[in-house]
Every structure is written in C-alpha cells, then in structure tokens.
Amino acid sequence: MLRSILIPSAVLAAVILLLLSGFEKTQDVTSFESILRSHALVASSDLLPLLSRIIPVGEIVVASLSIFLLLRKRPRPALLLLAVIAGAFAFYALALVVNPPPAPTKCGCGVLRGAEAADWTFISTTNFLAAAVLSLLRAFAK
C-alpha cells in the first residue's frame, strides 16, 4: 500500500520540478545562456547557445517520458531516468564546488530563481540525495 503511494508521488514530485525548471528556462533562453556563461565550466562559448536550448528541452522530455512510463505502470524506468538527471545536476554542481565561478552567480536551475548567488555545495548535496532516494525507490518498485 505504502509503495503504491510513495513511488508515484516521488516520480510526480521530480517531474513537477523538472517541468518547472525546463519551462522557466525556455521563457528566457538568453538569461539562461548568460548564467551558463557565468559558471565558466564550458570551454567553448560556441556551445552555450546550443546547450541553453537543449538542457530545458531535455528536462521537459525526461519529465514527459517519466509521466508516460508511470501511466503505463512502468515506474522503474521512470525512476532511473529521474535519478540519472538528478545525478547529472549533482555532478555539475560538484564541478562548481571544485572549480567555482570567478564571481558569485545564479544557479540557473529554474526552481531556485530567487537566489542571487548559488550555494553549490547545497545544490550538489540535494541533487545527490535526490538521485539516491530515486534509486532506492527504484529498488522497491515493481
């Protein structure tokens, strides 16, 4: 009983965050590109316009696919997709802990839009925890 409520709820919570993040980034691609540039992690600035468009679309696609899988009673692949994207975000933030931007900058996450200076340790930790919880739930899903 608890599994039948907890697993879909976790998938839906992650999906909502991804959709909010993806749609917010699509509203102002130029700002998102500027934030990515301020992170100073991408060596080629020629890639930034492409990345600033691919990342939000990827978030929306993963969220939509996760909902589709959940509706088809396939929570395990949905949880795997969501755990992988949370892990990717965690490693990106960890890279910014190890190699911080030259000046304090926004996250660009979409869900932390009010923060002027991102706390990369917090962002990395919460995303690693999210990836771990989603992976653990996957182990209990049917």
C-alpha atoms as a PDB file:
ATOM      1  CA  MET A   1       0.000   0.000   0.000  1.00  0.00           C
ATOM      2  CA  LEU A   2       2.685   2.493   1.004  1.00  0.00           C
ATOM      3  CA  ARG A   3       4.701   1.572  -2.097  1.00  0.00           C
ATOM      4  CA  SER A   4       1.697   2.285  -4.330  1.00  0.00           C
ATOM      5  CA  ILE A   5       1.506   5.845  -2.965  1.00  0.00           C
ATOM      6  CA  LEU A   6       5.142   6.690  -2.278  1.00  0.00           C
ATOM      7  CA  ILE A   7       6.654   5.712  -5.637  1.00  0.00           C
ATOM      8  CA  PRO A   8       4.180   7.571  -7.886  1.00  0.00           C
ATOM      9  CA  SER A   9       4.356  10.563  -5.525  1.00  0.00           C
ATOM     10  CA  ALA A  10       8.150  10.674  -5.780  1.00  0.00           C
ATOM     11  CA  VAL A  11       8.007  10.417  -9.567  1.00  0.00           C
ATOM     12  CA  LEU A  12       5.398  13.179  -9.762  1.00  0.00           C
ATOM     13  CA  ALA A  13       7.368  15.458  -7.402  1.00  0.00           C
ATOM     14  CA  ALA A  14      10.519  15.056  -9.501  1.00  0.00           C
ATOM     15  CA  VAL A  15       8.529  15.544 -12.710  1.00  0.00           C
ATOM     16  CA  ILE A  16       6.968  18.766 -11.413  1.00  0.00           C
ATOM     17  CA  LEU A  17      10.398  20.155 -10.501  1.00  0.00           C
ATOM     18  CA  LEU A  18      11.800  19.227 -13.917  1.00  0.00           C
ATOM     19  CA  LEU A  19       8.848  20.726 -15.755  1.00  0.00           C
ATOM     20  CA  LEU A  20       9.052  23.958 -13.749  1.00  0.00           C
ATOM     21  CA  SER A  21      12.784  24.139 -14.348  1.00  0.00           C
ATOM     22  CA  GLY A  22      12.562  23.354 -18.061  1.00  0.00           C
ATOM     23  CA  PHE A  23       9.658  25.685 -18.812  1.00  0.00           C
ATOM     24  CA  GLU A  24      11.192  28.559 -16.871  1.00  0.00           C
ATOM     25  CA  LYS A  25      14.427  28.237 -18.848  1.00  0.00           C
ATOM     26  CA  THR A  26      12.519  28.243 -22.140  1.00  0.00           C
ATOM     27  CA  GLN A  27      10.890  31.538 -21.169  1.00  0.00           C
ATOM     28  CA  ASP A  28      14.231  33.359 -21.210  1.00  0.00           C
ATOM     29  CA  VAL A  29      16.871  31.349 -23.068  1.00  0.00           C
ATOM     30  CA  THR A  30      19.189  34.367 -23.286  1.00  0.00           C
ATOM     31  CA  SER A  31      19.310  34.731 -19.500  1.00  0.00           C
ATOM     32  CA  PHE A  32      19.897  31.006 -19.065  1.00  0.00           C
ATOM     33  CA  GLU A  33      22.749  31.175 -21.592  1.00  0.00           C
ATOM     34  CA  SER A  34      24.226  34.117 -19.674  1.00  0.00           C
ATOM     35  CA  ILE A  35      24.033  32.162 -16.413  1.00  0.00           C
ATOM     36  CA  LEU A  36      25.752  29.157 -18.023  1.00  0.00           C
ATOM     37  CA  ARG A  37      28.448  31.502 -19.305  1.00  0.00           C
ATOM     38  CA  SER A  38      28.958  32.928 -15.788  1.00  0.00           C
ATOM     39  CA  HIS A  39      29.585  29.400 -14.455  1.00  0.00           C
ATOM     40  CA  ALA A  40      32.698  29.264 -16.679  1.00  0.00           C
ATOM     41  CA  LEU A  41      32.593  25.459 -16.994  1.00  0.00           C
ATOM     42  CA  VAL A  42      32.029  25.159 -20.738  1.00  0.00           C
ATOM     43  CA  ALA A  43      35.310  25.808 -22.540  1.00  0.00           C
ATOM     44  CA  SER A  44      33.771  26.701 -25.897  1.00  0.00           C
ATOM     45  CA  SER A  45      31.396  29.642 -25.776  1.00  0.00           C
ATOM     46  CA  ASP A  46      30.102  28.479 -29.167  1.00  0.00           C
ATOM     47  CA  LEU A  47      28.364  25.583 -27.366  1.00  0.00           C
ATOM     48  CA  LEU A  48      26.489  27.788 -24.904  1.00  0.00           C
ATOM     49  CA  PRO A  49      23.647  28.855 -27.234  1.00  0.00           C
ATOM     50  CA  LEU A  50      23.045  25.208 -28.129  1.00  0.00           C
ATOM     51  CA  LEU A  51      23.254  23.999 -24.513  1.00  0.00           C
ATOM     52  CA  SER A  52      20.922  26.741 -23.309  1.00  0.00           C
ATOM     53  CA  ARG A  53      18.277  25.356 -25.669  1.00  0.00           C
ATOM     54  CA  ILE A  54      18.959  21.628 -25.315  1.00  0.00           C
ATOM     55  CA  ILE A  55      19.002  21.494 -21.496  1.00  0.00           C
ATOM     56  CA  PRO A  56      15.461  22.819 -20.922  1.00  0.00           C
ATOM     57  CA  VAL A  57      14.046  20.704 -23.754  1.00  0.00           C
ATOM     58  CA  GLY A  58      15.819  17.684 -22.272  1.00  0.00           C
ATOM     59  CA  GLU A  59      14.275  18.377 -18.864  1.00  0.00           C
ATOM     60  CA  ILE A  60      10.803  18.626 -20.377  1.00  0.00           C
ATOM     61  CA  VAL A  61      11.305  15.461 -22.441  1.00  0.00           C
ATOM     62  CA  VAL A  62      12.570  13.453 -19.447  1.00  0.00           C
ATOM     63  CA  ALA A  63       9.669  14.694 -17.314  1.00  0.00           C
ATOM     64  CA  SER A  64       7.130  13.859 -20.024  1.00  0.00           C
ATOM     65  CA  LEU A  65       8.633  10.430 -20.628  1.00  0.00           C
ATOM     66  CA  SER A  66       8.600   9.758 -16.882  1.00  0.00           C
ATOM     67  CA  ILE A  67       4.891  10.575 -16.696  1.00  0.00           C
ATOM     68  CA  PHE A  68       4.223   8.364 -19.711  1.00  0.00           C
ATOM     69  CA  LEU A  69       6.119   5.493 -18.069  1.00  0.00           C
ATOM     70  CA  LEU A  70       4.293   5.998 -14.778  1.00  0.00           C
ATOM     71  CA  LEU A  71       0.920   5.923 -16.548  1.00  0.00           C
ATOM     72  CA  ARG A  72       1.983   2.709 -18.301  1.00  0.00           C
ATOM     73  CA  LYS A  73       2.707   1.194 -14.846  1.00  0.00           C
ATOM     74  CA  ARG A  74       6.473   1.290 -15.502  1.00  0.00           C
ATOM     75  CA  PRO A  75       7.849   3.256 -12.531  1.00  0.00           C
ATOM     76  CA  ARG A  76      11.298   1.599 -12.539  1.00  0.00           C
ATOM     77  CA  PRO A  77      12.488   3.156 -15.827  1.00  0.00           C
ATOM     78  CA  ALA A  78      10.915   6.483 -14.812  1.00  0.00           C
ATOM     79  CA  LEU A  79      12.803   6.432 -11.517  1.00  0.00           C
ATOM     80  CA  LEU A  80      16.006   5.529 -13.345  1.00  0.00           C
ATOM     81  CA  LEU A  81      15.650   8.449 -15.774  1.00  0.00           C
ATOM     82  CA  LEU A  82      14.937  10.868 -12.952  1.00  0.00           C
ATOM     83  CA  ALA A  83      17.815   9.543 -10.832  1.00  0.00           C
ATOM     84  CA  VAL A  84      20.227   9.908 -13.754  1.00  0.00           C
ATOM     85  CA  ILE A  85      19.234  13.514 -14.412  1.00  0.00           C
ATOM     86  CA  ALA A  86      19.436  14.356 -10.692  1.00  0.00           C
ATOM     87  CA  GLY A  87      22.890  12.772 -10.650  1.00  0.00           C
ATOM     88  CA  ALA A  88      23.948  14.788 -13.688  1.00  0.00           C
ATOM     89  CA  PHE A  89      22.826  18.009 -11.981  1.00  0.00           C
ATOM     90  CA  ALA A  90      24.666  16.930  -8.819  1.00  0.00           C
ATOM     91  CA  PHE A  91      27.917  16.377 -10.700  1.00  0.00           C
ATOM     92  CA  TYR A  92      27.562  19.718 -12.499  1.00  0.00           C
ATOM     93  CA  ALA A  93      27.113  21.475  -9.159  1.00  0.00           C
ATOM     94  CA  LEU A  94      30.008  19.495  -7.685  1.00  0.00           C
ATOM     95  CA  ALA A  95      32.196  20.703 -10.546  1.00  0.00           C
ATOM     96  CA  LEU A  96      31.284  24.244  -9.461  1.00  0.00           C
ATOM     97  CA  VAL A  97      32.207  23.429  -5.851  1.00  0.00           C
ATOM     98  CA  VAL A  98      35.630  22.233  -7.009  1.00  0.00           C
ATOM     99  CA  ASN A  99      36.075  24.971  -9.628  1.00  0.00           C
ATOM    100  CA  PRO A 100      33.889  27.899  -8.506  1.00  0.00           C
ATOM    101  CA  PRO A 101      32.824  30.598 -10.950  1.00  0.00           C
ATOM    102  CA  PRO A 102      35.010  33.729 -10.978  1.00  0.00           C
ATOM    103  CA  ALA A 103      32.198  35.696  -9.308  1.00  0.00           C
ATOM    104  CA  PRO A 104      29.118  34.617  -7.344  1.00  0.00           C
ATOM    105  CA  THR A 105      26.395  33.668  -9.797  1.00  0.00           C
ATOM    106  CA  LYS A 106      22.884  32.322 -10.029  1.00  0.00           C
ATOM    107  CA  CYS A 107      22.211  28.629 -10.330  1.00  0.00           C
ATOM    108  CA  GLY A 108      20.100  28.684 -13.463  1.00  0.00           C
ATOM    109  CA  CYS A 109      18.179  25.739 -12.018  1.00  0.00           C
ATOM    110  CA  GLY A 110      14.789  27.271 -12.546  1.00  0.00           C
ATOM    111  CA  VAL A 111      13.486  26.242  -9.142  1.00  0.00           C
ATOM    112  CA  LEU A 112      15.908  28.450  -7.160  1.00  0.00           C
ATOM    113  CA  ARG A 113      15.320  31.535  -9.238  1.00  0.00           C
ATOM    114  CA  GLY A 114      15.296  33.999  -6.332  1.00  0.00           C
ATOM    115  CA  ALA A 115      18.830  33.189  -5.199  1.00  0.00           C
ATOM    116  CA  GLU A 116      21.380  35.718  -6.429  1.00  0.00           C
ATOM    117  CA  ALA A 117      24.405  33.602  -5.508  1.00  0.00           C
ATOM    118  CA  ALA A 118      24.061  29.846  -5.699  1.00  0.00           C
ATOM    119  CA  ASP A 119      25.283  27.624  -2.875  1.00  0.00           C
ATOM    120  CA  TRP A 120      26.903  24.908  -4.990  1.00  0.00           C
ATOM    121  CA  THR A 121      27.574  22.604  -2.039  1.00  0.00           C
ATOM    122  CA  PHE A 122      23.896  22.681  -1.074  1.00  0.00           C
ATOM    123  CA  ILE A 123      22.761  22.192  -4.670  1.00  0.00           C
ATOM    124  CA  SER A 124      25.173  19.314  -5.225  1.00  0.00           C
ATOM    125  CA  THR A 125      24.197  17.629  -1.948  1.00  0.00           C
ATOM    126  CA  THR A 126      20.455  17.916  -2.525  1.00  0.00           C
ATOM    127  CA  ASN A 127      20.754  16.560  -6.058  1.00  0.00           C
ATOM    128  CA  PHE A 128      22.924  13.641  -4.900  1.00  0.00           C
ATOM    129  CA  LEU A 129      20.324  12.923  -2.196  1.00  0.00           C
ATOM    130  CA  ALA A 130      17.513  13.105  -4.742  1.00  0.00           C
ATOM    131  CA  ALA A 131      19.384  10.703  -7.034  1.00  0.00           C
ATOM    132  CA  ALA A 132      19.967   8.323  -4.116  1.00  0.00           C
ATOM    133  CA  VAL A 133      16.321   8.404  -2.974  1.00  0.00           C
ATOM    134  CA  LEU A 134      15.036   7.877  -6.515  1.00  0.00           C
ATOM    135  CA  SER A 135      17.469   4.983  -6.969  1.00  0.00           C
ATOM    136  CA  LEU A 136      16.433   3.451  -3.657  1.00  0.00           C
ATOM    137  CA  LEU A 137      12.753   3.746  -4.566  1.00  0.00           C
ATOM    138  CA  ARG A 138      13.550   2.075  -7.869  1.00  0.00           C
ATOM    139  CA  ALA A 139      14.798  -0.941  -5.924  1.00  0.00           C
ATOM    140  CA  PHE A 140      11.387  -1.217  -4.233  1.00  0.00           C
ATOM    141  CA  ALA A 141       9.281  -0.529  -7.335  1.00  0.00           C
ATOM    142  CA  LYS A 142       7.651  -3.328  -9.263  1.00  0.00           C
END
